């Protein structure tokens, strides 16, 4: 399972979830123009079999327009700090893994 964090999610989360999500990368660390535009992140994720993790509803719109892949996980977490978001992701690991492996699902919202 490969996760690609959108620019609107702290890059520090990669290290905090590394033991549970070993193939987790931040959009600032991939080889695309920086700052990365949503469509560039989308295309990179599609070409490299990543699931996008974001706070940004624009990826939901891209998913509806273009279809999967890539899959999209939208964090609906407001007023949570980086550590709390990392802990939430770790606590939802089984749900995330199940979502990524299910070919029929395209979008997951985490609260």
Protein backbone atom coordinates (compact mmCIF):
# COMPACT_ATOMS: atom_id res chain seq x y z
CA UNK A 1 0.00 0.00 0.00
CA UNK A 2 1.43 3.32 -1.09
CA UNK A 3 0.15 6.60 0.33
CA UNK A 4 0.88 10.03 -1.10
CA UNK A 5 0.17 12.95 1.22
CA UNK A 6 -1.13 16.11 -0.39
CA UNK A 7 0.67 19.40 0.26
CA UNK A 8 -2.04 20.45 2.73
CA UNK A 9 -1.01 17.68 5.15
CA UNK A 10 2.13 18.12 7.22
CA UNK A 11 5.22 16.36 5.89
CA UNK A 12 6.01 15.41 9.51
CA UNK A 13 3.24 12.79 9.40
CA UNK A 14 5.37 10.60 7.11
CA UNK A 15 7.84 9.98 9.93
CA UNK A 16 5.15 9.60 12.59
CA UNK A 17 3.30 6.85 10.67
CA UNK A 18 6.39 5.24 9.12
CA UNK A 19 6.24 2.06 11.20
CA UNK A 20 2.65 1.41 10.16
CA UNK A 21 2.69 2.87 6.64
CA UNK A 22 6.18 2.19 5.29
CA UNK A 23 5.34 3.38 1.77
CA UNK A 24 4.09 6.80 2.78
CA UNK A 25 5.45 9.87 1.00
CA UNK A 26 4.73 13.58 0.98
CA UNK A 27 4.01 15.42 -2.26
CA UNK A 28 6.95 17.76 -1.60
CA UNK A 29 9.31 14.78 -1.81
CA UNK A 30 8.29 13.42 -5.20
CA UNK A 31 9.73 14.36 -8.55
CA UNK A 32 7.16 16.83 -9.81
CA UNK A 33 7.16 20.61 -10.05
CA UNK A 34 6.96 22.27 -6.65
CA UNK A 35 4.76 23.59 -5.27
CA UNK A 36 2.76 20.72 -6.70
CA UNK A 37 -0.61 21.36 -8.28
CA UNK A 38 -3.48 18.98 -7.54
CA UNK A 39 -3.54 17.63 -11.09
CA UNK A 40 0.22 16.92 -10.97
CA UNK A 41 -0.18 15.03 -7.69
CA UNK A 42 -3.13 13.16 -9.24
CA UNK A 43 -1.17 12.13 -12.34
CA UNK A 44 1.88 11.08 -10.30
CA UNK A 45 -0.31 8.98 -8.00
CA UNK A 46 -2.05 7.37 -10.96
CA UNK A 47 1.19 6.51 -12.75
CA UNK A 48 2.85 5.16 -9.60
CA UNK A 49 -0.06 3.31 -7.93
CA UNK A 50 -0.42 5.64 -4.94
CA UNK A 51 -3.54 6.39 -2.91
CA UNK A 52 -3.84 10.12 -2.24
CA UNK A 53 -4.36 11.29 1.34
CA UNK A 54 -5.70 14.84 1.57
CA UNK A 55 -7.86 17.40 3.36
CA UNK A 56 -8.73 18.89 -0.04
CA UNK A 57 -12.19 18.31 -1.54
CA UNK A 58 -10.73 19.15 -4.97
CA UNK A 59 -9.44 15.58 -5.18
CA UNK A 60 -12.99 14.31 -4.72
CA UNK A 61 -13.98 16.45 -7.72
CA UNK A 62 -11.06 15.06 -9.74
CA UNK A 63 -12.12 11.54 -8.81
CA UNK A 64 -15.68 12.18 -9.97
CA UNK A 65 -14.42 13.76 -13.19
CA UNK A 66 -11.64 11.32 -14.08
CA UNK A 67 -12.47 8.17 -12.11
CA UNK A 68 -10.04 5.92 -10.30
CA UNK A 69 -7.20 5.23 -10.10
CA UNK A 70 -5.92 6.78 -7.98
CA UNK A 71 -8.04 6.23 -4.93
CA UNK A 72 -8.54 9.13 -2.54
CA UNK A 73 -8.70 9.28 1.25
CA UNK A 74 -10.10 12.56 2.53
CA UNK A 75 -9.37 13.51 6.11
CA UNK A 76 -12.32 15.35 7.60
CA UNK A 77 -10.31 16.28 10.66
CA UNK A 78 -10.58 19.85 11.74
CA UNK A 79 -8.60 21.38 14.60
CA UNK A 80 -6.31 18.36 14.97
CA UNK A 81 -2.57 18.74 15.22
CA UNK A 82 -0.02 16.65 13.33
CA UNK A 83 0.41 14.10 16.11
CA UNK A 84 -3.35 13.63 16.47
CA UNK A 85 -3.74 13.10 12.72
CA UNK A 86 -0.92 10.55 12.73
CA UNK A 87 -2.54 8.70 15.64
CA UNK A 88 -5.88 8.74 13.82
CA UNK A 89 -4.32 7.25 10.68
CA UNK A 90 -2.61 4.52 12.69
CA UNK A 91 -5.86 3.72 14.50
CA UNK A 92 -7.61 3.40 11.10
CA UNK A 93 -4.87 1.30 9.50
CA UNK A 94 -7.03 -1.79 8.96
CA UNK A 95 -9.82 0.29 7.42
CA UNK A 96 -7.32 2.04 5.13
CA UNK A 97 -5.75 -1.27 4.07
CA UNK A 98 -9.17 -2.76 3.36
CA UNK A 99 -10.17 0.31 1.35
CA UNK A 100 -6.99 0.26 -0.75
CA UNK A 101 -7.34 -3.45 -1.53
CA UNK A 102 -11.05 -3.24 -2.47
CA UNK A 103 -11.24 -2.66 -6.22
CA UNK A 104 -14.81 -1.38 -6.05
CA UNK A 105 -14.15 1.53 -3.67
CA UNK A 106 -12.74 4.85 -4.85
CA UNK A 107 -13.04 7.26 -1.94
CA UNK A 108 -12.77 7.01 1.84
CA UNK A 109 -13.57 9.75 4.33
CA UNK A 110 -11.95 9.59 7.75
CA UNK A 111 -13.36 11.60 10.64
